[in-house]
Amino acid sequence: MISHIQLIWPLAFCVAGISGDIIMSQSPPVLSVGLGQTATITCKSSEDASGEVSWYQQREGQKPSLLIYYATSRFTGVSSRFTGTQVSSTHFTLTISSVQNEDVADYYCQQTESWP
């Protein structure tokens, strides 16, 4: 029997910027993956994000922890199973390879180029 985990994240959120609101949309909203498989989360920005995208993991009952910054840079101590990719100036992905039980969490992308 294969154990499945769910990776869940919000569909979209806004970052208020100097030139207006930037919408960050993630998909799919829920992803079920078998242990040892690969999970890919997509994040698209309504405007050029200039590579200024971070990815966070939030396990139940815990505060969010930084996984990836500047779209592709892994934060200190983060497993090499987590990889950030910049597909274009508005399209980013987070890939989790060899998914483990401890990866069950909410995942968020954040655009950090523009702040209120």
PDB file of N, CA and C in Angstrom:
ATOM      1  N   MET A   1       0.842  -1.181   0.000  1.00  0.00           N
ATOM      2  CA  MET A   1       0.000   0.000   0.000  1.00  0.00           C
ATOM      3  C   MET A   1       0.889   1.247   0.000  1.00  0.00           C
ATOM      4  N   ILE A   2       0.534   2.212  -0.817  1.00  0.00           N
ATOM      5  CA  ILE A   2       1.299   3.455  -0.892  1.00  0.00           C
ATOM      6  C   ILE A   2       0.673   4.482   0.032  1.00  0.00           C
ATOM      7  N   SER A   3       1.497   5.090   0.882  1.00  0.00           N
ATOM      8  CA  SER A   3       1.022   6.176   1.739  1.00  0.00           C
ATOM      9  C   SER A   3       1.030   7.460   0.927  1.00  0.00           C
ATOM     10  N   HIS A   4      -0.014   8.244   1.085  1.00  0.00           N
ATOM     11  CA  HIS A   4      -0.092   9.517   0.386  1.00  0.00           C
ATOM     12  C   HIS A   4      -0.051  10.662   1.380  1.00  0.00           C
ATOM     13  N   ILE A   5       0.555  11.750   0.963  1.00  0.00           N
ATOM     14  CA  ILE A   5       0.558  12.954   1.783  1.00  0.00           C
ATOM     15  C   ILE A   5      -0.113  14.061   0.988  1.00  0.00           C
ATOM     16  N   GLN A   6      -0.563  15.076   1.677  1.00  0.00           N
ATOM     17  CA  GLN A   6      -1.152  16.209   0.985  1.00  0.00           C
ATOM     18  C   GLN A   6      -0.320  17.453   1.227  1.00  0.00           C
ATOM     19  N   LEU A   7      -0.024  18.144   0.163  1.00  0.00           N
ATOM     20  CA  LEU A   7       0.652  19.427   0.232  1.00  0.00           C
ATOM     21  C   LEU A   7      -0.396  20.463  -0.141  1.00  0.00           C
ATOM     22  N   ILE A   8      -0.690  21.365   0.755  1.00  0.00           N
ATOM     23  CA  ILE A   8      -1.791  22.296   0.564  1.00  0.00           C
ATOM     24  C   ILE A   8      -1.275  23.726   0.663  1.00  0.00           C
ATOM     25  N   TRP A   9      -1.788  24.604  -0.178  1.00  0.00           N
ATOM     26  CA  TRP A   9      -1.402  26.006  -0.097  1.00  0.00           C
ATOM     27  C   TRP A   9      -2.528  26.868  -0.634  1.00  0.00           C
ATOM     28  N   PRO A  10      -2.526  28.153  -0.273  1.00  0.00           N
ATOM     29  CA  PRO A  10      -3.573  29.055  -0.756  1.00  0.00           C
ATOM     30  C   PRO A  10      -3.457  29.281  -2.260  1.00  0.00           C
ATOM     31  N   LEU A  11      -4.567  29.597  -2.891  1.00  0.00           N
ATOM     32  CA  LEU A  11      -4.560  29.833  -4.329  1.00  0.00           C
ATOM     33  C   LEU A  11      -3.879  31.144  -4.709  1.00  0.00           C
ATOM     34  N   ALA A  12      -4.108  32.179  -3.937  1.00  0.00           N
ATOM     35  CA  ALA A  12      -3.538  33.472  -4.319  1.00  0.00           C
ATOM     36  C   ALA A  12      -3.495  34.414  -3.134  1.00  0.00           C
ATOM     37  N   PHE A  13      -2.597  35.367  -3.202  1.00  0.00           N
ATOM     38  CA  PHE A  13      -2.571  36.437  -2.219  1.00  0.00           C
ATOM     39  C   PHE A  13      -1.935  37.663  -2.862  1.00  0.00           C
ATOM     40  N   CYS A  14      -2.137  38.819  -2.240  1.00  0.00           N
ATOM     41  CA  CYS A  14      -1.654  40.081  -2.810  1.00  0.00           C
ATOM     42  C   CYS A  14      -0.469  40.614  -2.030  1.00  0.00           C
ATOM     43  N   VAL A  15       0.437  41.257  -2.741  1.00  0.00           N
ATOM     44  CA  VAL A  15       1.478  42.061  -2.124  1.00  0.00           C
ATOM     45  C   VAL A  15       1.290  43.463  -2.681  1.00  0.00           C
ATOM     46  N   ALA A  16       1.012  44.415  -1.803  1.00  0.00           N
ATOM     47  CA  ALA A  16       0.818  45.787  -2.272  1.00  0.00           C
ATOM     48  C   ALA A  16       2.166  46.394  -2.610  1.00  0.00           C
ATOM     49  N   GLY A  17       2.309  46.863  -3.826  1.00  0.00           N
ATOM     50  CA  GLY A  17       3.579  47.419  -4.261  1.00  0.00           C
ATOM     51  C   GLY A  17       3.439  48.856  -4.714  1.00  0.00           C
ATOM     52  N   ILE A  18       4.556  49.456  -5.028  1.00  0.00           N
ATOM     53  CA  ILE A  18       4.588  50.846  -5.453  1.00  0.00           C
ATOM     54  C   ILE A  18       3.739  51.048  -6.703  1.00  0.00           C
ATOM     55  N   SER A  19       3.784  50.113  -7.621  1.00  0.00           N
ATOM     56  CA  SER A  19       3.058  50.256  -8.877  1.00  0.00           C
ATOM     57  C   SER A  19       1.701  49.563  -8.848  1.00  0.00           C
ATOM     58  N   GLY A  20       1.202  49.217  -7.677  1.00  0.00           N
ATOM     59  CA  GLY A  20      -0.083  48.543  -7.572  1.00  0.00           C
ATOM     60  C   GLY A  20       0.073  47.167  -6.979  1.00  0.00           C
ATOM     61  N   ASP A  21      -1.028  46.465  -6.873  1.00  0.00           N
ATOM     62  CA  ASP A  21      -1.011  45.135  -6.278  1.00  0.00           C
ATOM     63  C   ASP A  21      -0.423  44.106  -7.233  1.00  0.00           C
ATOM     64  N   ILE A  22       0.427  43.270  -6.696  1.00  0.00           N
ATOM     65  CA  ILE A  22       0.983  42.154  -7.449  1.00  0.00           C
ATOM     66  C   ILE A  22       0.296  40.897  -6.942  1.00  0.00           C
ATOM     67  N   ILE A  23      -0.314  40.159  -7.835  1.00  0.00           N
ATOM     68  CA  ILE A  23      -1.031  38.945  -7.457  1.00  0.00           C
ATOM     69  C   ILE A  23      -0.125  37.737  -7.681  1.00  0.00           C
ATOM     70  N   MET A  24       0.060  36.949  -6.629  1.00  0.00           N
ATOM     71  CA  MET A  24       0.819  35.709  -6.723  1.00  0.00           C
ATOM     72  C   MET A  24      -0.175  34.559  -6.658  1.00  0.00           C
ATOM     73  N   SER A  25      -0.260  33.770  -7.720  1.00  0.00           N
ATOM     74  CA  SER A  25      -1.213  32.665  -7.793  1.00  0.00           C
ATOM     75  C   SER A  25      -0.482  31.335  -7.789  1.00  0.00           C
ATOM     76  N   GLN A  26      -0.902  30.429  -6.913  1.00  0.00           N
ATOM     77  CA  GLN A  26      -0.281  29.111  -6.811  1.00  0.00           C
ATOM     78  C   GLN A  26      -1.239  28.043  -7.310  1.00  0.00           C
ATOM     79  N   SER A  27      -0.679  26.970  -7.864  1.00  0.00           N
ATOM     80  CA  SER A  27      -1.505  25.859  -8.314  1.00  0.00           C
ATOM     81  C   SER A  27      -0.697  24.559  -8.265  1.00  0.00           C
ATOM     82  N   PRO A  28      -1.390  23.414  -8.119  1.00  0.00           N
ATOM     83  CA  PRO A  28      -2.810  23.292  -7.799  1.00  0.00           C
ATOM     84  C   PRO A  28      -3.037  23.611  -6.325  1.00  0.00           C
ATOM     85  N   PRO A  29      -4.307  23.794  -5.896  1.00  0.00           N
ATOM     86  CA  PRO A  29      -4.558  24.137  -4.492  1.00  0.00           C
ATOM     87  C   PRO A  29      -4.246  22.996  -3.522  1.00  0.00           C
ATOM     88  N   VAL A  30      -4.422  21.760  -3.965  1.00  0.00           N
ATOM     89  CA  VAL A  30      -4.113  20.586  -3.135  1.00  0.00           C
ATOM     90  C   VAL A  30      -3.405  19.567  -4.014  1.00  0.00           C
ATOM     91  N   LEU A  31      -2.364  18.974  -3.470  1.00  0.00           N
ATOM     92  CA  LEU A  31      -1.603  17.978  -4.221  1.00  0.00           C
ATOM     93  C   LEU A  31      -1.367  16.761  -3.345  1.00  0.00           C
ATOM     94  N   SER A  32      -1.810  15.600  -3.807  1.00  0.00           N
ATOM     95  CA  SER A  32      -1.547  14.346  -3.096  1.00  0.00           C
ATOM     96  C   SER A  32      -0.409  13.626  -3.810  1.00  0.00           C
ATOM     97  N   VAL A  33       0.607  13.257  -3.044  1.00  0.00           N
ATOM     98  CA  VAL A  33       1.794  12.638  -3.624  1.00  0.00           C
ATOM     99  C   VAL A  33       2.171  11.418  -2.808  1.00  0.00           C
ATOM    100  N   GLY A  34       2.595  10.363  -3.474  1.00  0.00           N
ATOM    101  CA  GLY A  34       3.064   9.178  -2.776  1.00  0.00           C
ATOM    102  C   GLY A  34       4.454   9.402  -2.206  1.00  0.00           C
ATOM    103  N   LEU A  35       4.750   8.736  -1.103  1.00  0.00           N
ATOM    104  CA  LEU A  35       6.084   8.833  -0.511  1.00  0.00           C
ATOM    105  C   LEU A  35       7.135   8.439  -1.543  1.00  0.00           C
ATOM    106  N   GLY A  36       8.206   9.218  -1.597  1.00  0.00           N
ATOM    107  CA  GLY A  36       9.279   8.949  -2.544  1.00  0.00           C
ATOM    108  C   GLY A  36       9.069   9.561  -3.913  1.00  0.00           C
ATOM    109  N   GLN A  37       7.864  10.075  -4.158  1.00  0.00           N
ATOM    110  CA  GLN A  37       7.586  10.696  -5.448  1.00  0.00           C
ATOM    111  C   GLN A  37       8.020  12.160  -5.451  1.00  0.00           C
ATOM    112  N   THR A  38       7.798  12.827  -6.570  1.00  0.00           N
ATOM    113  CA  THR A  38       8.164  14.234  -6.725  1.00  0.00           C
ATOM    114  C   THR A  38       6.916  15.100  -6.775  1.00  0.00           C
ATOM    115  N   ALA A  39       6.958  16.229  -6.064  1.00  0.00           N
ATOM    116  CA  ALA A  39       5.855  17.195  -6.062  1.00  0.00           C
ATOM    117  C   ALA A  39       6.351  18.506  -6.652  1.00  0.00           C
ATOM    118  N   THR A  40       5.545  19.108  -7.510  1.00  0.00           N
ATOM    119  CA  THR A  40       5.888  20.410  -8.080  1.00  0.00           C
ATOM    120  C   THR A  40       4.749  21.388  -7.858  1.00  0.00           C
ATOM    121  N   ILE A  41       5.080  22.536  -7.287  1.00  0.00           N
ATOM    122  CA  ILE A  41       4.131  23.607  -7.017  1.00  0.00           C
ATOM    123  C   ILE A  41       4.489  24.768  -7.939  1.00  0.00           C
ATOM    124  N   THR A  42       3.488  25.342  -8.563  1.00  0.00           N
ATOM    125  CA  THR A  42       3.698  26.456  -9.483  1.00  0.00           C
ATOM    126  C   THR A  42       3.204  27.757  -8.875  1.00  0.00           C
ATOM    127  N   CYS A  43       3.958  28.811  -9.083  1.00  0.00           N
ATOM    128  CA  CYS A  43       3.579  30.146  -8.622  1.00  0.00           C
ATOM    129  C   CYS A  43       3.748  31.108  -9.791  1.00  0.00           C
ATOM    130  N   LYS A  44       2.679  31.860 -10.088  1.00  0.00           N
ATOM    131  CA  LYS A  44       2.740  32.839 -11.174  1.00  0.00           C
ATOM    132  C   LYS A  44       2.420  34.223 -10.638  1.00  0.00           C
ATOM    133  N   SER A  45       3.189  35.187 -11.100  1.00  0.00           N
ATOM    134  CA  SER A  45       3.044  36.578 -10.685  1.00  0.00           C
ATOM    135  C   SER A  45       2.327  37.369 -11.769  1.00  0.00           C
ATOM    136  N   SER A  46       1.487  38.317 -11.348  1.00  0.00           N
ATOM    137  CA  SER A  46       0.764  39.150 -12.314  1.00  0.00           C
ATOM    138  C   SER A  46       1.680  40.172 -12.985  1.00  0.00           C
ATOM    139  N   GLU A  47       2.864  40.392 -12.421  1.00  0.00           N
ATOM    140  CA  GLU A  47       3.848  41.315 -12.988  1.00  0.00           C
ATOM    141  C   GLU A  47       5.232  40.681 -12.889  1.00  0.00           C
ATOM    142  N   ASP A  48       6.187  41.268 -13.578  1.00  0.00           N
ATOM    143  CA  ASP A  48       7.573  40.815 -13.511  1.00  0.00           C
ATOM    144  C   ASP A  48       8.037  40.795 -12.054  1.00  0.00           C
ATOM    145  N   ALA A  49       8.428  39.628 -11.576  1.00  0.00           N
ATOM    146  CA  ALA A  49       8.854  39.484 -10.178  1.00  0.00           C
ATOM    147  C   ALA A  49      10.364  39.632 -10.024  1.00  0.00           C
ATOM    148  N   SER A  50      11.072  39.830 -11.109  1.00  0.00           N
ATOM    149  CA  SER A  50      12.524  40.079 -11.092  1.00  0.00           C
ATOM    150  C   SER A  50      13.307  39.036 -10.300  1.00  0.00           C
ATOM    151  N   GLY A  51      12.805  37.825 -10.222  1.00  0.00           N
ATOM    152  CA  GLY A  51      13.502  36.779  -9.475  1.00  0.00           C
ATOM    153  C   GLY A  51      13.404  36.917  -7.976  1.00  0.00           C
ATOM    154  N   GLU A  52      12.654  37.916  -7.525  1.00  0.00           N
ATOM    155  CA  GLU A  52      12.535  38.174  -6.081  1.00  0.00           C
ATOM    156  C   GLU A  52      11.386  37.365  -5.487  1.00  0.00           C
ATOM    157  N   VAL A  53      11.483  36.060  -5.573  1.00  0.00           N
ATOM    158  CA  VAL A  53      10.435  35.175  -5.059  1.00  0.00           C
ATOM    159  C   VAL A  53      11.029  34.239  -4.016  1.00  0.00           C
ATOM    160  N   SER A  54      10.323  34.122  -2.904  1.00  0.00           N
ATOM    161  CA  SER A  54      10.721  33.203  -1.834  1.00  0.00           C
ATOM    162  C   SER A  54       9.648  32.143  -1.666  1.00  0.00           C
ATOM    163  N   TRP A  55      10.065  30.986  -1.174  1.00  0.00           N
ATOM    164  CA  TRP A  55       9.137  29.895  -0.868  1.00  0.00           C
ATOM    165  C   TRP A  55       9.241  29.563   0.615  1.00  0.00           C
ATOM    166  N   TYR A  56       8.080  29.355   1.238  1.00  0.00           N
ATOM    167  CA  TYR A  56       8.013  29.031   2.661  1.00  0.00           C
ATOM    168  C   TYR A  56       7.248  27.734   2.869  1.00  0.00           C
ATOM    169  N   GLN A  57       7.614  27.028   3.924  1.00  0.00           N
ATOM    170  CA  GLN A  57       6.903  25.827   4.364  1.00  0.00           C
ATOM    171  C   GLN A  57       6.319  26.118   5.740  1.00  0.00           C
ATOM    172  N   GLN A  58       5.050  25.773   5.940  1.00  0.00           N
ATOM    173  CA  GLN A  58       4.441  25.930   7.256  1.00  0.00           C
ATOM    174  C   GLN A  58       3.774  24.625   7.665  1.00  0.00           C
ATOM    175  N   ARG A  59       4.405  23.955   8.626  1.00  0.00           N
ATOM    176  CA  ARG A  59       3.822  22.733   9.175  1.00  0.00           C
ATOM    177  C   ARG A  59       2.744  23.110  10.180  1.00  0.00           C
ATOM    178  N   GLU A  60       1.806  22.205  10.373  1.00  0.00           N
ATOM    179  CA  GLU A  60       0.684  22.465  11.279  1.00  0.00           C
ATOM    180  C   GLU A  60       1.180  22.864  12.667  1.00  0.00           C
ATOM    181  N   GLY A  61       0.650  23.977  13.182  1.00  0.00           N
ATOM    182  CA  GLY A  61       0.997  24.444  14.516  1.00  0.00           C
ATOM    183  C   GLY A  61       2.335  25.154  14.619  1.00  0.00           C
ATOM    184  N   GLN A  62       3.010  25.357  13.489  1.00  0.00           N
ATOM    185  CA  GLN A  62       4.319  26.016  13.504  1.00  0.00           C
ATOM    186  C   GLN A  62       4.287  27.280  12.653  1.00  0.00           C
ATOM    187  N   LYS A  63       5.269  28.147  12.862  1.00  0.00           N
ATOM    188  CA  LYS A  63       5.373  29.347  12.038  1.00  0.00           C
ATOM    189  C   LYS A  63       6.045  28.984  10.714  1.00  0.00           C
ATOM    190  N   PRO A  64       5.839  29.794   9.682  1.00  0.00           N
ATOM    191  CA  PRO A  64       6.461  29.501   8.384  1.00  0.00           C
ATOM    192  C   PRO A  64       7.986  29.527   8.465  1.00  0.00           C
ATOM    193  N   SER A  65       8.619  28.667   7.689  1.00  0.00           N
ATOM    194  CA  SER A  65      10.082  28.666   7.621  1.00  0.00           C
ATOM    195  C   SER A  65      10.512  28.833   6.161  1.00  0.00           C
ATOM    196  N   LEU A  66      11.555  29.623   5.961  1.00  0.00           N
ATOM    197  CA  LEU A  66      12.052  29.922   4.623  1.00  0.00           C
ATOM    198  C   LEU A  66      12.744  28.701   4.023  1.00  0.00           C
ATOM    199  N   LEU A  67      12.362  28.369   2.788  1.00  0.00           N
ATOM    200  CA  LEU A  67      13.007  27.282   2.054  1.00  0.00           C
ATOM    201  C   LEU A  67      13.937  27.823   0.971  1.00  0.00           C
ATOM    202  N   ILE A  68      13.376  28.717   0.146  1.00  0.00           N
ATOM    203  CA  ILE A  68      14.062  29.215  -1.049  1.00  0.00           C
ATOM    204  C   ILE A  68      13.942  30.736  -1.093  1.00  0.00           C
ATOM    205  N   TYR A  69      15.018  31.418  -1.464  1.00  0.00           N
ATOM    206  CA  TYR A  69      14.968  32.868  -1.666  1.00  0.00           C
ATOM    207  C   TYR A  69      15.617  33.198  -3.013  1.00  0.00           C
ATOM    208  N   TYR A  70      15.329  34.393  -3.539  1.00  0.00           N
ATOM    209  CA  TYR A  70      15.791  34.783  -4.878  1.00  0.00           C
ATOM    210  C   TYR A  70      15.479  33.696  -5.909  1.00  0.00           C
ATOM    211  N   ALA A  71      14.313  33.098  -5.759  1.00  0.00           N
ATOM    212  CA  ALA A  71      13.762  32.116  -6.701  1.00  0.00           C
ATOM    213  C   ALA A  71      14.463  30.761  -6.706  1.00  0.00           C
ATOM    214  N   THR A  72      15.788  30.748  -6.557  1.00  0.00           N
ATOM    215  CA  THR A  72      16.528  29.489  -6.725  1.00  0.00           C
ATOM    216  C   THR A  72      17.522  29.161  -5.613  1.00  0.00           C
ATOM    217  N   SER A  73      17.717  30.089  -4.667  1.00  0.00           N
ATOM    218  CA  SER A  73      18.732  29.883  -3.623  1.00  0.00           C
ATOM    219  C   SER A  73      18.139  29.175  -2.412  1.00  0.00           C
ATOM    220  N   ARG A  74      18.714  28.044  -2.062  1.00  0.00           N
ATOM    221  CA  ARG A  74      18.243  27.264  -0.919  1.00  0.00           C
ATOM    222  C   ARG A  74      18.745  27.898   0.377  1.00  0.00           C
ATOM    223  N   PHE A  75      17.838  28.088   1.344  1.00  0.00           N
ATOM    224  CA  PHE A  75      18.221  28.668   2.626  1.00  0.00           C
ATOM    225  C   PHE A  75      19.076  27.679   3.414  1.00  0.00           C
ATOM    226  N   THR A  76      19.909  28.187   4.298  1.00  0.00           N
ATOM    227  CA  THR A  76      20.810  27.375   5.112  1.00  0.00           C
ATOM    228  C   THR A  76      20.059  26.259   5.834  1.00  0.00           C
ATOM    229  N   GLY A  77      20.551  25.050   5.701  1.00  0.00           N
ATOM    230  CA  GLY A  77      19.982  23.915   6.407  1.00  0.00           C
ATOM    231  C   GLY A  77      18.812  23.241   5.715  1.00  0.00           C
ATOM    232  N   VAL A  78      18.347  23.808   4.604  1.00  0.00           N
ATOM    233  CA  VAL A  78      17.217  23.224   3.871  1.00  0.00           C
ATOM    234  C   VAL A  78      17.720  22.060   3.020  1.00  0.00           C
ATOM    235  N   SER A  79      16.986  20.972   3.056  1.00  0.00           N
ATOM    236  CA  SER A  79      17.355  19.770   2.315  1.00  0.00           C
ATOM    237  C   SER A  79      17.482  20.045   0.816  1.00  0.00           C
ATOM    238  N   SER A  80      18.412  19.358   0.191  1.00  0.00           N
ATOM    239  CA  SER A  80      18.605  19.492  -1.257  1.00  0.00           C
ATOM    240  C   SER A  80      17.438  18.894  -2.039  1.00  0.00           C
ATOM    241  N   ARG A  81      16.501  18.259  -1.330  1.00  0.00           N
ATOM    242  CA  ARG A  81      15.291  17.749  -1.995  1.00  0.00           C
ATOM    243  C   ARG A  81      14.385  18.890  -2.452  1.00  0.00           C
ATOM    244  N   PHE A  82      14.590  20.097  -1.894  1.00  0.00           N
ATOM    245  CA  PHE A  82      13.790  21.269  -2.251  1.00  0.00           C
ATOM    246  C   PHE A  82      14.549  22.108  -3.275  1.00  0.00           C
ATOM    247  N   THR A  83      13.929  22.326  -4.425  1.00  0.00           N
ATOM    248  CA  THR A  83      14.569  23.079  -5.497  1.00  0.00           C
ATOM    249  C   THR A  83      13.626  24.146  -6.035  1.00  0.00           C
ATOM    250  N   GLY A  84      14.128  25.369  -6.110  1.00  0.00           N
ATOM    251  CA  GLY A  84      13.366  26.463  -6.704  1.00  0.00           C
ATOM    252  C   GLY A  84      13.856  26.726  -8.113  1.00  0.00           C
ATOM    253  N   THR A  85      12.914  26.984  -9.011  1.00  0.00           N
ATOM    254  CA  THR A  85      13.243  27.249 -10.408  1.00  0.00           C
ATOM    255  C   THR A  85      12.511  28.494 -10.888  1.00  0.00           C
ATOM    256  N   GLN A  86      13.207  29.324 -11.651  1.00  0.00           N
ATOM    257  CA  GLN A  86      12.566  30.461 -12.305  1.00  0.00           C
ATOM    258  C   GLN A  86      12.385  30.098 -13.767  1.00  0.00           C
ATOM    259  N   VAL A  87      11.139  29.865 -14.162  1.00  0.00           N
ATOM    260  CA  VAL A  87      10.828  29.483 -15.539  1.00  0.00           C
ATOM    261  C   VAL A  87      10.819  30.719 -16.435  1.00  0.00           C
ATOM    262  N   SER A  88      10.270  31.819 -15.911  1.00  0.00           N
ATOM    263  CA  SER A  88      10.260  33.108 -16.606  1.00  0.00           C
ATOM    264  C   SER A  88      10.190  34.194 -15.542  1.00  0.00           C
ATOM    265  N   SER A  89      10.070  35.449 -15.947  1.00  0.00           N
ATOM    266  CA  SER A  89      10.030  36.540 -14.970  1.00  0.00           C
ATOM    267  C   SER A  89       8.739  36.548 -14.154  1.00  0.00           C
ATOM    268  N   THR A  90       7.755  35.749 -14.579  1.00  0.00           N
ATOM    269  CA  THR A  90       6.475  35.685 -13.859  1.00  0.00           C
ATOM    270  C   THR A  90       6.078  34.262 -13.460  1.00  0.00           C
ATOM    271  N   HIS A  91       6.925  33.288 -13.733  1.00  0.00           N
ATOM    272  CA  HIS A  91       6.583  31.873 -13.523  1.00  0.00           C
ATOM    273  C   HIS A  91       7.698  31.185 -12.725  1.00  0.00           C
ATOM    274  N   PHE A  92       7.316  30.641 -11.563  1.00  0.00           N
ATOM    275  CA  PHE A  92       8.278  30.027 -10.650  1.00  0.00           C
ATOM    276  C   PHE A  92       7.742  28.684 -10.175  1.00  0.00           C
ATOM    277  N   THR A  93       8.647  27.767  -9.853  1.00  0.00           N
ATOM    278  CA  THR A  93       8.218  26.479  -9.320  1.00  0.00           C
ATOM    279  C   THR A  93       9.049  26.088  -8.101  1.00  0.00           C
ATOM    280  N   LEU A  94       8.412  25.316  -7.228  1.00  0.00           N
ATOM    281  CA  LEU A  94       9.098  24.656  -6.121  1.00  0.00           C
ATOM    282  C   LEU A  94       8.930  23.167  -6.343  1.00  0.00           C
ATOM    283  N   THR A  95      10.038  22.444  -6.402  1.00  0.00           N
ATOM    284  CA  THR A  95       9.994  20.997  -6.587  1.00  0.00           C
ATOM    285  C   THR A  95      10.517  20.320  -5.329  1.00  0.00           C
ATOM    286  N   ILE A  96       9.757  19.351  -4.855  1.00  0.00           N
ATOM    287  CA  ILE A  96      10.169  18.545  -3.703  1.00  0.00           C
ATOM    288  C   ILE A  96      10.382  17.131  -4.224  1.00  0.00           C
ATOM    289  N   SER A  97      11.613  16.671  -4.214  1.00  0.00           N
ATOM    290  CA  SER A  97      11.905  15.322  -4.698  1.00  0.00           C
ATOM    291  C   SER A  97      11.912  14.343  -3.532  1.00  0.00           C
ATOM    292  N   SER A  98      11.676  13.090  -3.830  1.00  0.00           N
ATOM    293  CA  SER A  98      11.652  12.033  -2.806  1.00  0.00           C
ATOM    294  C   SER A  98      10.843  12.469  -1.585  1.00  0.00           C
ATOM    295  N   VAL A  99       9.580  12.795  -1.819  1.00  0.00           N
ATOM    296  CA  VAL A  99       8.706  13.318  -0.762  1.00  0.00           C
ATOM    297  C   VAL A  99       8.694  12.401   0.457  1.00  0.00           C
ATOM    298  N   GLN A 100       8.818  13.018   1.641  1.00  0.00           N
ATOM    299  CA  GLN A 100       8.825  12.309   2.922  1.00  0.00           C
ATOM    300  C   GLN A 100       7.613  12.736   3.755  1.00  0.00           C
ATOM    301  N   ASN A 101       7.305  11.958   4.797  1.00  0.00           N
ATOM    302  CA  ASN A 101       6.184  12.297   5.680  1.00  0.00           C
ATOM    303  C   ASN A 101       6.320  13.698   6.267  1.00  0.00           C
ATOM    304  N   GLU A 102       7.539  14.107   6.571  1.00  0.00           N
ATOM    305  CA  GLU A 102       7.762  15.418   7.199  1.00  0.00           C
ATOM    306  C   GLU A 102       7.475  16.584   6.257  1.00  0.00           C
ATOM    307  N   ASP A 103       7.225  16.297   4.976  1.00  0.00           N
ATOM    308  CA  ASP A 103       6.941  17.350   4.003  1.00  0.00           C
ATOM    309  C   ASP A 103       5.471  17.766   3.987  1.00  0.00           C
ATOM    310  N   VAL A 104       4.635  17.064   4.748  1.00  0.00           N
ATOM    311  CA  VAL A 104       3.221  17.441   4.831  1.00  0.00           C
ATOM    312  C   VAL A 104       3.141  18.825   5.463  1.00  0.00           C
ATOM    313  N   ALA A 105       2.642  19.797   4.701  1.00  0.00           N
ATOM    314  CA  ALA A 105       2.660  21.188   5.157  1.00  0.00           C
ATOM    315  C   ALA A 105       1.924  22.064   4.160  1.00  0.00           C
ATOM    316  N   ASP A 106       1.770  23.335   4.535  1.00  0.00           N
ATOM    317  CA  ASP A 106       1.329  24.363   3.600  1.00  0.00           C
ATOM    318  C   ASP A 106       2.584  24.993   3.007  1.00  0.00           C
ATOM    319  N   TYR A 107       2.529  25.314   1.714  1.00  0.00           N
ATOM    320  CA  TYR A 107       3.658  25.940   1.031  1.00  0.00           C
ATOM    321  C   TYR A 107       3.196  27.248   0.409  1.00  0.00           C
ATOM    322  N   TYR A 108       3.995  28.293   0.600  1.00  0.00           N
ATOM    323  CA  TYR A 108       3.643  29.624   0.131  1.00  0.00           C
ATOM    324  C   TYR A 108       4.762  30.211  -0.715  1.00  0.00           C
ATOM    325  N   CYS A 109       4.383  30.874  -1.790  1.00  0.00           N
ATOM    326  CA  CYS A 109       5.365  31.689  -2.503  1.00  0.00           C
ATOM    327  C   CYS A 109       5.108  33.144  -2.130  1.00  0.00           C
ATOM    328  N   GLN A 110       6.169  33.929  -2.133  1.00  0.00           N
ATOM    329  CA  GLN A 110       6.063  35.346  -1.789  1.00  0.00           C
ATOM    330  C   GLN A 110       6.953  36.155  -2.720  1.00  0.00           C
ATOM    331  N   GLN A 111       6.406  37.223  -3.263  1.00  0.00           N
ATOM    332  CA  GLN A 111       7.175  38.145  -4.084  1.00  0.00           C
ATOM    333  C   GLN A 111       7.717  39.219  -3.164  1.00  0.00           C
ATOM    334  N   THR A 112       9.020  39.458  -3.213  1.00  0.00           N
ATOM    335  CA  THR A 112       9.636  40.377  -2.248  1.00  0.00           C
ATOM    336  C   THR A 112      10.258  41.605  -2.902  1.00  0.00           C
ATOM    337  N   GLU A 113      10.001  41.816  -4.187  1.00  0.00           N
ATOM    338  CA  GLU A 113      10.571  42.967  -4.895  1.00  0.00           C
ATOM    339  C   GLU A 113       9.898  44.267  -4.482  1.00  0.00           C
ATOM    340  N   SER A 114       8.566  44.242  -4.310  1.00  0.00           N
ATOM    341  CA  SER A 114       7.811  45.453  -3.994  1.00  0.00           C
ATOM    342  C   SER A 114       7.115  45.306  -2.660  1.00  0.00           C
ATOM    343  N   TRP A 115       7.228  46.303  -1.824  1.00  0.00           N
ATOM    344  CA  TRP A 115       6.599  46.299  -0.505  1.00  0.00           C
ATOM    345  C   TRP A 115       5.763  47.557  -0.352  1.00  0.00           C
ATOM    346  N   PRO A 116       4.739  47.522   0.505  1.00  0.00           N
ATOM    347  CA  PRO A 116       3.907  48.713   0.724  1.00  0.00           C
ATOM    348  C   PRO A 116       4.729  49.862   1.291  1.00  0.00           C
TER     349      PRO A 116
END
